[in-house]
Amino acid sequence: MPTLLRIDASPRADNSHSRSLADELQARWLDAHPGAQVQLRDLAKEPIGPIENDTIVGYYTPEGDMTDPLRQATAQSDMLIDELLGADALLISTPMYNFSVPAVLKAWIDQVVRINRTFGFNEDGDLQGLVKGKTAYITTAIGAQFTGTPLVAMDFLRPYLKSLFGFIGFEQVKIFSVESTSMDENQLALSREKSLAEIADLFAKEVA
């Protein structure tokens, strides 16, 4: 059956704008994929450990040369990559922290963006993504109004995630945001309404 891998990064279990928007997208995805399932990984409840020296060494060690310590150091990465590759689609919900991704999400990224597993080189020596046939859906919550303001130049969250998942091979990366979550309730409501309409329209086209 189809599987949606959902990664939540917000430390807020309740009143999280990014999680709430992801809930709406998840419901639409399930409606579009009858019999599908969701595999949830909550990074706030189960943080991913950072990569260490042996992790990096293991990433670049050929399979035949791997030692038990290196296998142990890369075991978490292997598990998370297998989880990602086994899913049909990816859904990430995340707030913006200091113009970029939260540390818990960056730790997950460092474990799954890995040479010869999710990216590599083609016959011409050019980099290529190895994650094929998948779509990434990303819901973000941003404290101020970035879109249409000078602050957009400091948005390193959405361009980073779009580029990153495109780099490892995702065919489509679709991002939906709520902005002004800490600034303006009216603007927040408008941005949420806009994203909900975009999500509804996207899945209406998929079902049609």
N, C-alpha and C. Protein backbone atom coordinates (compact mmCIF):
# COMPACT_ATOMS: atom_id res chain seq x y z
N MET A 1 0.84 -1.19 0.00
CA MET A 1 0.00 0.00 0.00
C MET A 1 0.88 1.25 0.00
N PRO A 2 0.39 2.37 -0.58
CA PRO A 2 1.19 3.60 -0.60
C PRO A 2 1.48 4.09 0.81
N THR A 3 2.67 4.66 1.00
CA THR A 3 3.07 5.16 2.31
C THR A 3 3.54 6.60 2.21
N LEU A 4 3.03 7.42 3.13
CA LEU A 4 3.48 8.80 3.27
C LEU A 4 4.36 8.87 4.51
N LEU A 5 5.62 9.23 4.33
CA LEU A 5 6.52 9.43 5.46
C LEU A 5 6.39 10.88 5.92
N ARG A 6 5.95 11.04 7.17
CA ARG A 6 5.76 12.38 7.71
C ARG A 6 6.82 12.67 8.77
N ILE A 7 7.50 13.80 8.60
CA ILE A 7 8.53 14.24 9.53
C ILE A 7 8.08 15.56 10.16
N ASP A 8 7.86 15.56 11.47
CA ASP A 8 7.47 16.78 12.18
C ASP A 8 8.67 17.32 12.94
N ALA A 9 8.92 18.63 12.81
CA ALA A 9 10.09 19.23 13.44
C ALA A 9 9.75 20.23 14.54
N SER A 10 8.51 20.66 14.61
CA SER A 10 8.15 21.66 15.61
C SER A 10 8.14 21.06 17.01
N PRO A 11 8.69 21.77 18.01
CA PRO A 11 8.63 21.29 19.39
C PRO A 11 7.23 21.43 19.99
N ARG A 12 6.36 22.16 19.32
CA ARG A 12 5.01 22.35 19.82
C ARG A 12 4.13 21.16 19.42
N ALA A 13 3.64 20.45 20.42
CA ALA A 13 2.71 19.37 20.14
C ALA A 13 1.32 19.94 19.85
N ASP A 14 0.99 21.03 20.54
CA ASP A 14 -0.30 21.70 20.34
C ASP A 14 -0.04 23.11 19.81
N ASN A 15 -1.02 23.63 19.10
CA ASN A 15 -0.94 25.00 18.59
C ASN A 15 0.25 25.22 17.67
N SER A 16 0.65 24.18 16.96
CA SER A 16 1.73 24.32 15.98
C SER A 16 1.12 24.61 14.61
N HIS A 17 1.49 25.72 14.04
CA HIS A 17 0.95 26.09 12.73
C HIS A 17 1.48 25.17 11.63
N SER A 18 2.73 24.79 11.71
CA SER A 18 3.28 23.91 10.67
C SER A 18 2.66 22.52 10.74
N ARG A 19 2.45 22.00 11.95
CA ARG A 19 1.82 20.69 12.10
C ARG A 19 0.35 20.73 11.65
N SER A 20 -0.32 21.82 11.99
CA SER A 20 -1.73 21.95 11.61
C SER A 20 -1.90 21.96 10.10
N LEU A 21 -1.03 22.69 9.41
CA LEU A 21 -1.09 22.72 7.94
C LEU A 21 -0.75 21.35 7.37
N ALA A 22 0.20 20.66 8.00
CA ALA A 22 0.55 19.31 7.56
C ALA A 22 -0.61 18.34 7.77
N ASP A 23 -1.37 18.53 8.84
CA ASP A 23 -2.55 17.68 9.08
C ASP A 23 -3.53 17.79 7.91
N GLU A 24 -3.74 19.02 7.45
CA GLU A 24 -4.65 19.23 6.33
C GLU A 24 -4.12 18.57 5.06
N LEU A 25 -2.83 18.72 4.81
CA LEU A 25 -2.24 18.12 3.61
C LEU A 25 -2.28 16.60 3.70
N GLN A 26 -1.98 16.08 4.87
CA GLN A 26 -2.01 14.63 5.06
C GLN A 26 -3.41 14.07 4.78
N ALA A 27 -4.43 14.76 5.26
CA ALA A 27 -5.81 14.30 5.04
C ALA A 27 -6.13 14.28 3.55
N ARG A 28 -5.69 15.31 2.84
CA ARG A 28 -5.93 15.36 1.39
C ARG A 28 -5.17 14.24 0.67
N TRP A 29 -3.94 13.99 1.10
CA TRP A 29 -3.14 12.94 0.47
C TRP A 29 -3.78 11.57 0.69
N LEU A 30 -4.28 11.34 1.89
CA LEU A 30 -4.92 10.05 2.18
C LEU A 30 -6.20 9.89 1.37
N ASP A 31 -6.95 10.98 1.20
CA ASP A 31 -8.16 10.91 0.37
C ASP A 31 -7.82 10.56 -1.07
N ALA A 32 -6.66 11.05 -1.53
CA ALA A 32 -6.24 10.81 -2.91
C ALA A 32 -5.61 9.44 -3.10
N HIS A 33 -5.27 8.77 -1.98
CA HIS A 33 -4.62 7.46 -2.04
C HIS A 33 -5.34 6.49 -1.10
N PRO A 34 -6.50 5.99 -1.52
CA PRO A 34 -7.28 5.09 -0.66
C PRO A 34 -6.45 3.88 -0.22
N GLY A 35 -6.54 3.54 1.05
CA GLY A 35 -5.81 2.39 1.57
C GLY A 35 -4.38 2.70 1.95
N ALA A 36 -3.96 3.96 1.81
CA ALA A 36 -2.58 4.34 2.12
C ALA A 36 -2.38 4.43 3.63
N GLN A 37 -1.12 4.52 4.01
CA GLN A 37 -0.78 4.65 5.42
C GLN A 37 0.22 5.79 5.62
N VAL A 38 0.29 6.28 6.85
CA VAL A 38 1.23 7.33 7.20
C VAL A 38 2.23 6.78 8.21
N GLN A 39 3.49 6.97 7.93
CA GLN A 39 4.56 6.61 8.86
C GLN A 39 5.09 7.90 9.46
N LEU A 40 4.93 8.07 10.76
CA LEU A 40 5.25 9.33 11.42
C LEU A 40 6.58 9.25 12.14
N ARG A 41 7.39 10.28 11.95
CA ARG A 41 8.61 10.46 12.73
C ARG A 41 8.59 11.86 13.31
N ASP A 42 8.44 11.93 14.63
CA ASP A 42 8.35 13.20 15.33
C ASP A 42 9.73 13.53 15.90
N LEU A 43 10.41 14.46 15.29
CA LEU A 43 11.78 14.79 15.69
C LEU A 43 11.84 15.50 17.03
N ALA A 44 10.73 16.09 17.46
CA ALA A 44 10.70 16.73 18.77
C ALA A 44 10.68 15.69 19.88
N LYS A 45 9.94 14.60 19.64
CA LYS A 45 9.85 13.53 20.64
C LYS A 45 11.02 12.57 20.57
N GLU A 46 11.52 12.34 19.36
CA GLU A 46 12.65 11.42 19.15
C GLU A 46 13.71 12.11 18.30
N PRO A 47 14.52 12.96 18.92
CA PRO A 47 15.55 13.68 18.16
C PRO A 47 16.57 12.73 17.55
N ILE A 48 17.07 13.12 16.40
CA ILE A 48 18.09 12.36 15.70
C ILE A 48 19.47 12.81 16.19
N GLY A 49 20.34 11.87 16.45
CA GLY A 49 21.68 12.21 16.90
C GLY A 49 22.50 12.84 15.79
N PRO A 50 23.44 13.71 16.13
CA PRO A 50 24.29 14.35 15.12
C PRO A 50 25.29 13.35 14.56
N ILE A 51 25.77 13.65 13.36
CA ILE A 51 26.81 12.80 12.78
C ILE A 51 28.13 13.06 13.52
N GLU A 52 28.94 12.00 13.62
CA GLU A 52 30.23 12.08 14.30
C GLU A 52 31.34 11.70 13.32
N ASN A 53 32.57 11.69 13.81
CA ASN A 53 33.69 11.39 12.92
C ASN A 53 33.53 10.04 12.23
N ASP A 54 33.20 8.98 13.01
CA ASP A 54 33.06 7.66 12.41
C ASP A 54 31.89 7.59 11.45
N THR A 55 30.88 8.43 11.67
CA THR A 55 29.75 8.47 10.73
C THR A 55 30.24 8.94 9.37
N ILE A 56 31.01 10.00 9.37
CA ILE A 56 31.53 10.54 8.12
C ILE A 56 32.48 9.55 7.44
N VAL A 57 33.34 8.93 8.24
CA VAL A 57 34.25 7.93 7.68
C VAL A 57 33.45 6.80 7.05
N GLY A 58 32.40 6.36 7.73
CA GLY A 58 31.56 5.27 7.22
C GLY A 58 30.86 5.64 5.94
N TYR A 59 30.45 6.90 5.81
CA TYR A 59 29.78 7.36 4.59
C TYR A 59 30.68 7.15 3.37
N TYR A 60 31.98 7.31 3.55
CA TYR A 60 32.91 7.28 2.42
C TYR A 60 33.71 5.97 2.34
N THR A 61 33.36 4.99 3.16
CA THR A 61 34.07 3.71 3.16
C THR A 61 33.33 2.71 2.28
N PRO A 62 34.00 2.05 1.33
CA PRO A 62 33.34 1.02 0.52
C PRO A 62 32.76 -0.09 1.40
N GLU A 63 31.71 -0.70 0.94
CA GLU A 63 31.01 -1.72 1.72
C GLU A 63 31.95 -2.82 2.18
N GLY A 64 32.84 -3.25 1.33
CA GLY A 64 33.74 -4.35 1.68
C GLY A 64 34.77 -4.00 2.73
N ASP A 65 34.95 -2.71 2.99
CA ASP A 65 35.94 -2.26 3.97
C ASP A 65 35.30 -1.80 5.28
N MET A 66 33.99 -1.92 5.40
CA MET A 66 33.32 -1.45 6.61
C MET A 66 33.68 -2.33 7.81
N THR A 67 33.93 -1.70 8.94
CA THR A 67 34.21 -2.41 10.19
C THR A 67 32.97 -2.33 11.08
N ASP A 68 32.95 -3.11 12.15
CA ASP A 68 31.80 -3.08 13.06
C ASP A 68 31.58 -1.68 13.65
N PRO A 69 32.62 -0.97 14.10
CA PRO A 69 32.40 0.38 14.61
C PRO A 69 31.81 1.33 13.56
N LEU A 70 32.26 1.18 12.30
CA LEU A 70 31.72 2.04 11.25
C LEU A 70 30.27 1.68 10.93
N ARG A 71 29.95 0.41 10.96
CA ARG A 71 28.56 -0.01 10.74
C ARG A 71 27.66 0.53 11.84
N GLN A 72 28.15 0.52 13.06
CA GLN A 72 27.38 1.05 14.17
C GLN A 72 27.20 2.56 14.03
N ALA A 73 28.25 3.24 13.57
CA ALA A 73 28.20 4.69 13.43
C ALA A 73 27.24 5.13 12.32
N THR A 74 27.02 4.27 11.33
CA THR A 74 26.14 4.61 10.21
C THR A 74 24.79 3.91 10.28
N ALA A 75 24.54 3.17 11.35
CA ALA A 75 23.30 2.40 11.47
C ALA A 75 22.07 3.30 11.46
N GLN A 76 22.16 4.43 12.16
CA GLN A 76 21.02 5.34 12.20
C GLN A 76 20.74 5.92 10.82
N SER A 77 21.79 6.29 10.11
CA SER A 77 21.64 6.80 8.76
C SER A 77 21.01 5.75 7.85
N ASP A 78 21.49 4.50 7.94
CA ASP A 78 20.93 3.41 7.12
C ASP A 78 19.44 3.28 7.36
N MET A 79 19.04 3.31 8.64
CA MET A 79 17.64 3.14 8.99
C MET A 79 16.78 4.27 8.45
N LEU A 80 17.25 5.50 8.60
CA LEU A 80 16.47 6.65 8.15
C LEU A 80 16.39 6.71 6.63
N ILE A 81 17.46 6.34 5.95
CA ILE A 81 17.44 6.33 4.48
C ILE A 81 16.51 5.23 3.97
N ASP A 82 16.56 4.06 4.59
CA ASP A 82 15.65 2.98 4.20
C ASP A 82 14.20 3.41 4.38
N GLU A 83 13.95 4.14 5.45
CA GLU A 83 12.61 4.65 5.74
C GLU A 83 12.17 5.61 4.65
N LEU A 84 13.08 6.49 4.25
CA LEU A 84 12.79 7.47 3.21
C LEU A 84 12.56 6.79 1.86
N LEU A 85 13.46 5.89 1.49
CA LEU A 85 13.35 5.22 0.19
C LEU A 85 12.13 4.31 0.11
N GLY A 86 11.69 3.80 1.26
CA GLY A 86 10.55 2.90 1.28
C GLY A 86 9.21 3.61 1.18
N ALA A 87 9.21 4.93 1.34
CA ALA A 87 7.97 5.70 1.27
C ALA A 87 7.69 6.14 -0.16
N ASP A 88 6.42 6.37 -0.44
CA ASP A 88 6.02 6.84 -1.76
C ASP A 88 6.07 8.36 -1.86
N ALA A 89 5.92 9.03 -0.73
CA ALA A 89 5.97 10.49 -0.69
C ALA A 89 6.44 10.92 0.69
N LEU A 90 6.91 12.16 0.75
CA LEU A 90 7.45 12.70 1.99
C LEU A 90 6.68 13.97 2.36
N LEU A 91 6.34 14.09 3.64
CA LEU A 91 5.71 15.31 4.17
C LEU A 91 6.54 15.79 5.35
N ILE A 92 7.02 17.01 5.27
CA ILE A 92 7.80 17.61 6.35
C ILE A 92 7.06 18.84 6.86
N SER A 93 6.87 18.93 8.16
CA SER A 93 6.33 20.15 8.76
C SER A 93 7.41 20.75 9.64
N THR A 94 7.65 22.05 9.45
CA THR A 94 8.75 22.68 10.18
C THR A 94 8.52 24.17 10.37
N PRO A 95 8.90 24.69 11.51
CA PRO A 95 8.95 26.15 11.66
C PRO A 95 10.24 26.69 11.07
N MET A 96 10.29 28.00 10.88
CA MET A 96 11.53 28.67 10.56
C MET A 96 12.18 29.12 11.86
N TYR A 97 13.45 28.76 12.05
CA TYR A 97 14.21 29.23 13.20
C TYR A 97 15.38 30.07 12.70
N ASN A 98 15.39 31.34 13.07
CA ASN A 98 16.52 32.21 12.71
C ASN A 98 16.83 32.14 11.22
N PHE A 99 15.76 32.20 10.43
CA PHE A 99 15.81 32.27 8.97
C PHE A 99 16.09 30.93 8.29
N SER A 100 16.20 29.83 9.04
CA SER A 100 16.52 28.54 8.41
C SER A 100 15.82 27.41 9.15
N VAL A 101 16.39 26.19 9.05
CA VAL A 101 15.75 25.00 9.62
C VAL A 101 16.10 24.83 11.09
N PRO A 102 15.21 24.23 11.89
CA PRO A 102 15.54 23.89 13.27
C PRO A 102 16.65 22.84 13.32
N ALA A 103 17.37 22.80 14.43
CA ALA A 103 18.49 21.87 14.57
C ALA A 103 18.04 20.42 14.42
N VAL A 104 16.83 20.09 14.93
CA VAL A 104 16.39 18.69 14.85
C VAL A 104 16.18 18.25 13.41
N LEU A 105 15.71 19.16 12.57
CA LEU A 105 15.51 18.81 11.16
C LEU A 105 16.85 18.74 10.44
N LYS A 106 17.76 19.64 10.77
CA LYS A 106 19.09 19.60 10.16
C LYS A 106 19.80 18.29 10.50
N ALA A 107 19.62 17.79 11.73
CA ALA A 107 20.25 16.53 12.12
C ALA A 107 19.70 15.38 11.27
N TRP A 108 18.39 15.38 11.02
CA TRP A 108 17.78 14.35 10.16
C TRP A 108 18.33 14.46 8.73
N ILE A 109 18.41 15.68 8.24
CA ILE A 109 18.93 15.90 6.88
C ILE A 109 20.35 15.37 6.76
N ASP A 110 21.19 15.63 7.76
CA ASP A 110 22.58 15.19 7.69
C ASP A 110 22.71 13.66 7.69
N GLN A 111 21.70 12.98 8.19
CA GLN A 111 21.72 11.52 8.19
C GLN A 111 21.21 10.93 6.87
N VAL A 112 20.35 11.65 6.15
CA VAL A 112 19.74 11.06 4.95
C VAL A 112 20.36 11.58 3.64
N VAL A 113 21.02 12.72 3.68
CA VAL A 113 21.69 13.21 2.46
C VAL A 113 23.10 12.63 2.50
N ARG A 114 23.27 11.54 1.77
CA ARG A 114 24.48 10.71 1.93
C ARG A 114 24.99 10.21 0.59
N ILE A 115 26.30 10.34 0.41
CA ILE A 115 26.95 9.90 -0.81
C ILE A 115 26.69 8.41 -1.07
N ASN A 116 26.37 8.09 -2.30
CA ASN A 116 26.11 6.72 -2.78
C ASN A 116 24.84 6.09 -2.23
N ARG A 117 24.07 6.84 -1.45
CA ARG A 117 22.79 6.34 -0.99
C ARG A 117 21.65 7.20 -1.52
N THR A 118 21.74 8.50 -1.33
CA THR A 118 20.69 9.38 -1.83
C THR A 118 21.21 10.35 -2.90
N PHE A 119 22.51 10.41 -3.09
CA PHE A 119 23.08 11.12 -4.23
C PHE A 119 24.41 10.47 -4.60
N GLY A 120 24.82 10.68 -5.83
CA GLY A 120 26.07 10.08 -6.30
C GLY A 120 26.51 10.75 -7.58
N PHE A 121 27.28 10.03 -8.36
CA PHE A 121 27.81 10.57 -9.61
C PHE A 121 27.38 9.69 -10.78
N ASN A 122 27.07 10.33 -11.91
CA ASN A 122 26.73 9.55 -13.10
C ASN A 122 28.00 9.20 -13.87
N GLU A 123 27.83 8.61 -15.04
CA GLU A 123 28.98 8.16 -15.81
C GLU A 123 29.87 9.31 -16.27
N ASP A 124 29.30 10.50 -16.37
CA ASP A 124 30.08 11.67 -16.79
C ASP A 124 30.75 12.38 -15.61
N GLY A 125 30.54 11.83 -14.40
CA GLY A 125 31.14 12.44 -13.23
C GLY A 125 30.34 13.58 -12.63
N ASP A 126 29.11 13.74 -13.11
CA ASP A 126 28.25 14.81 -12.59
C ASP A 126 27.41 14.28 -11.43
N LEU A 127 27.13 15.14 -10.47
CA LEU A 127 26.29 14.76 -9.35
C LEU A 127 24.87 14.48 -9.81
N GLN A 128 24.26 13.48 -9.20
CA GLN A 128 22.87 13.17 -9.51
C GLN A 128 22.17 12.65 -8.26
N GLY A 129 20.88 12.93 -8.17
CA GLY A 129 20.08 12.42 -7.06
C GLY A 129 19.72 10.97 -7.30
N LEU A 130 19.63 10.21 -6.23
CA LEU A 130 19.32 8.78 -6.33
C LEU A 130 17.93 8.45 -5.79
N VAL A 131 17.22 9.44 -5.27
CA VAL A 131 15.85 9.23 -4.78
C VAL A 131 14.91 9.54 -5.94
N LYS A 132 14.29 8.51 -6.48
CA LYS A 132 13.53 8.67 -7.71
C LYS A 132 12.02 8.48 -7.48
N GLY A 133 11.25 9.16 -8.32
CA GLY A 133 9.81 8.94 -8.38
C GLY A 133 9.04 9.38 -7.16
N LYS A 134 9.51 10.40 -6.45
CA LYS A 134 8.83 10.81 -5.23
C LYS A 134 8.56 12.32 -5.24
N THR A 135 7.55 12.69 -4.45
CA THR A 135 7.23 14.10 -4.23
C THR A 135 7.44 14.42 -2.76
N ALA A 136 8.01 15.59 -2.50
CA ALA A 136 8.15 16.09 -1.14
C ALA A 136 7.17 17.23 -0.94
N TYR A 137 6.37 17.13 0.11
CA TYR A 137 5.46 18.20 0.52
C TYR A 137 6.03 18.80 1.80
N ILE A 138 6.11 20.11 1.86
CA ILE A 138 6.70 20.78 3.02
C ILE A 138 5.75 21.87 3.49
N THR A 139 5.41 21.84 4.78
CA THR A 139 4.60 22.91 5.37
C THR A 139 5.47 23.66 6.36
N THR A 140 5.47 24.98 6.25
CA THR A 140 6.33 25.79 7.10
C THR A 140 5.51 26.85 7.84
N ALA A 141 6.01 27.20 9.01
CA ALA A 141 5.42 28.29 9.79
C ALA A 141 6.52 29.32 10.03
N ILE A 142 6.19 30.58 9.73
CA ILE A 142 7.18 31.66 9.78
C ILE A 142 6.62 32.80 10.62
N GLY A 143 7.41 33.26 11.56
CA GLY A 143 6.91 34.22 12.54
C GLY A 143 6.53 35.57 11.99
N ALA A 144 7.29 36.08 11.02
CA ALA A 144 7.03 37.39 10.43
C ALA A 144 6.50 37.23 9.00
N GLN A 145 6.17 38.35 8.38
CA GLN A 145 5.73 38.33 6.99
C GLN A 145 6.96 38.48 6.10
N PHE A 146 7.31 37.42 5.38
CA PHE A 146 8.47 37.45 4.49
C PHE A 146 8.05 37.72 3.05
N THR A 147 7.03 37.02 2.58
CA THR A 147 6.59 37.17 1.20
C THR A 147 6.15 38.61 0.93
N GLY A 148 6.71 39.21 -0.11
CA GLY A 148 6.34 40.56 -0.49
C GLY A 148 6.97 41.65 0.35
N THR A 149 7.96 41.29 1.18
CA THR A 149 8.64 42.27 2.01
C THR A 149 10.15 42.10 1.85
N PRO A 150 10.95 43.06 2.32
CA PRO A 150 12.41 42.92 2.22
C PRO A 150 12.95 41.71 2.97
N LEU A 151 12.19 41.19 3.93
CA LEU A 151 12.66 40.03 4.69
C LEU A 151 12.81 38.78 3.83
N VAL A 152 12.18 38.77 2.66
CA VAL A 152 12.26 37.58 1.81
C VAL A 152 13.70 37.26 1.45
N ALA A 153 14.56 38.26 1.45
CA ALA A 153 15.98 38.03 1.14
C ALA A 153 16.67 37.21 2.22
N MET A 154 16.04 37.12 3.40
CA MET A 154 16.62 36.36 4.50
C MET A 154 15.91 35.03 4.71
N ASP A 155 15.08 34.65 3.77
CA ASP A 155 14.40 33.35 3.84
C ASP A 155 15.35 32.28 3.30
N PHE A 156 16.07 31.63 4.22
CA PHE A 156 16.97 30.54 3.83
C PHE A 156 16.34 29.18 4.11
N LEU A 157 15.10 29.18 4.55
CA LEU A 157 14.39 27.93 4.85
C LEU A 157 13.82 27.30 3.58
N ARG A 158 12.94 28.00 2.93
CA ARG A 158 12.24 27.40 1.79
C ARG A 158 13.14 27.17 0.58
N PRO A 159 13.98 28.14 0.19
CA PRO A 159 14.89 27.84 -0.93
C PRO A 159 15.84 26.69 -0.62
N TYR A 160 16.29 26.60 0.63
CA TYR A 160 17.20 25.52 1.02
C TYR A 160 16.53 24.16 0.88
N LEU A 161 15.34 24.03 1.44
CA LEU A 161 14.65 22.74 1.39
C LEU A 161 14.28 22.36 -0.03
N LYS A 162 13.85 23.33 -0.82
CA LYS A 162 13.50 23.04 -2.22
C LYS A 162 14.72 22.56 -2.99
N SER A 163 15.85 23.24 -2.80
CA SER A 163 17.08 22.87 -3.50
C SER A 163 17.60 21.52 -3.01
N LEU A 164 17.56 21.31 -1.70
CA LEU A 164 18.10 20.10 -1.10
C LEU A 164 17.39 18.85 -1.63
N PHE A 165 16.06 18.85 -1.57
CA PHE A 165 15.34 17.66 -2.00
C PHE A 165 15.37 17.48 -3.51
N GLY A 166 15.47 18.58 -4.23
CA GLY A 166 15.69 18.45 -5.67
C GLY A 166 17.06 17.83 -5.95
N PHE A 167 18.05 18.21 -5.16
CA PHE A 167 19.40 17.69 -5.32
C PHE A 167 19.47 16.18 -5.16
N ILE A 168 18.72 15.62 -4.20
CA ILE A 168 18.79 14.17 -3.99
C ILE A 168 17.80 13.40 -4.87
N GLY A 169 17.10 14.12 -5.75
CA GLY A 169 16.35 13.43 -6.78
C GLY A 169 14.84 13.53 -6.74
N PHE A 170 14.27 14.19 -5.75
CA PHE A 170 12.81 14.31 -5.71
C PHE A 170 12.31 15.01 -6.96
N GLU A 171 11.30 14.42 -7.58
CA GLU A 171 10.79 14.98 -8.84
C GLU A 171 10.06 16.30 -8.61
N GLN A 172 9.36 16.39 -7.48
CA GLN A 172 8.61 17.61 -7.16
C GLN A 172 8.80 17.95 -5.69
N VAL A 173 8.96 19.22 -5.41
CA VAL A 173 9.04 19.71 -4.03
C VAL A 173 8.03 20.84 -3.92
N LYS A 174 6.98 20.61 -3.14
CA LYS A 174 5.88 21.58 -3.04
C LYS A 174 5.84 22.12 -1.61
N ILE A 175 5.90 23.44 -1.49
CA ILE A 175 5.99 24.09 -0.19
C ILE A 175 4.77 24.98 0.05
N PHE A 176 4.21 24.83 1.25
CA PHE A 176 3.05 25.62 1.66
C PHE A 176 3.38 26.26 3.01
N SER A 177 3.05 27.54 3.15
CA SER A 177 3.49 28.26 4.35
C SER A 177 2.38 29.06 5.00
N VAL A 178 2.52 29.22 6.30
CA VAL A 178 1.77 30.24 7.03
C VAL A 178 2.81 31.22 7.57
N GLU A 179 2.52 32.51 7.38
CA GLU A 179 3.46 33.54 7.80
C GLU A 179 2.79 34.48 8.81
N SER A 180 3.59 35.31 9.45
CA SER A 180 3.12 36.26 10.46
C SER A 180 2.53 35.57 11.68
N THR A 181 3.04 34.39 12.01
CA THR A 181 2.47 33.65 13.14
C THR A 181 2.71 34.35 14.47
N SER A 182 3.69 35.22 14.54
CA SER A 182 3.98 35.95 15.78
C SER A 182 3.74 37.45 15.65
N MET A 183 3.17 37.88 14.52
CA MET A 183 3.12 39.32 14.25
C MET A 183 1.72 39.86 14.01
N ASP A 184 0.99 39.23 13.12
CA ASP A 184 -0.26 39.84 12.65
C ASP A 184 -1.29 38.74 12.43
N GLU A 185 -2.31 38.71 13.27
CA GLU A 185 -3.31 37.64 13.18
C GLU A 185 -4.08 37.70 11.87
N ASN A 186 -4.35 38.87 11.37
CA ASN A 186 -5.08 38.98 10.10
C ASN A 186 -4.24 38.46 8.94
N GLN A 187 -2.96 38.81 8.92
CA GLN A 187 -2.08 38.32 7.86
C GLN A 187 -1.88 36.82 7.97
N LEU A 188 -1.80 36.33 9.20
CA LEU A 188 -1.68 34.90 9.44
C LEU A 188 -2.88 34.16 8.86
N ALA A 189 -4.06 34.68 9.15
CA ALA A 189 -5.29 34.04 8.65
C ALA A 189 -5.32 34.03 7.13
N LEU A 190 -4.87 35.12 6.52
CA LEU A 190 -4.86 35.19 5.06
C LEU A 190 -3.87 34.20 4.46
N SER A 191 -2.69 34.09 5.06
CA SER A 191 -1.70 33.17 4.51
C SER A 191 -2.13 31.72 4.70
N ARG A 192 -2.77 31.42 5.82
CA ARG A 192 -3.27 30.06 6.04
C ARG A 192 -4.38 29.73 5.04
N GLU A 193 -5.27 30.67 4.84
CA GLU A 193 -6.36 30.46 3.88
C GLU A 193 -5.81 30.22 2.48
N LYS A 194 -4.79 31.00 2.12
CA LYS A 194 -4.18 30.84 0.80
C LYS A 194 -3.54 29.47 0.64
N SER A 195 -2.79 29.02 1.65
CA SER A 195 -2.13 27.72 1.57
C SER A 195 -3.13 26.58 1.55
N LEU A 196 -4.19 26.70 2.34
CA LEU A 196 -5.22 25.65 2.34
C LEU A 196 -5.89 25.55 0.97
N ALA A 197 -6.11 26.69 0.34
CA ALA A 197 -6.71 26.68 -1.00
C ALA A 197 -5.75 26.05 -2.01
N GLU A 198 -4.45 26.34 -1.88
CA GLU A 198 -3.47 25.75 -2.79
C GLU A 198 -3.38 24.23 -2.60
N ILE A 199 -3.45 23.78 -1.36
CA ILE A 199 -3.42 22.34 -1.09
C ILE A 199 -4.65 21.66 -1.66
N ALA A 200 -5.82 22.26 -1.44
CA ALA A 200 -7.07 21.70 -1.97
C ALA A 200 -7.03 21.62 -3.48
N ASP A 201 -6.53 22.68 -4.11
CA ASP A 201 -6.45 22.71 -5.58
C ASP A 201 -5.49 21.66 -6.10
N LEU A 202 -4.36 21.50 -5.42
CA LEU A 202 -3.36 20.52 -5.84
C LEU A 202 -3.95 19.11 -5.86
N PHE A 203 -4.61 18.73 -4.78
CA PHE A 203 -5.12 17.36 -4.69
C PHE A 203 -6.40 17.16 -5.49
N ALA A 204 -7.13 18.24 -5.74
CA ALA A 204 -8.30 18.14 -6.63
C ALA A 204 -7.83 17.76 -8.03
N LYS A 205 -6.69 18.32 -8.44
CA LYS A 205 -6.14 17.99 -9.76
C LYS A 205 -5.60 16.55 -9.79
N GLU A 206 -5.03 16.10 -8.67
CA GLU A 206 -4.50 14.74 -8.64
C GLU A 206 -5.60 13.71 -8.70
N VAL A 207 -6.72 14.01 -8.05
CA VAL A 207 -7.84 13.06 -8.01
C VAL A 207 -8.60 13.07 -9.33
N ALA A 208 -8.66 14.24 -9.98
CA ALA A 208 -9.43 14.39 -11.23
C ALA A 208 -8.89 13.48 -12.34
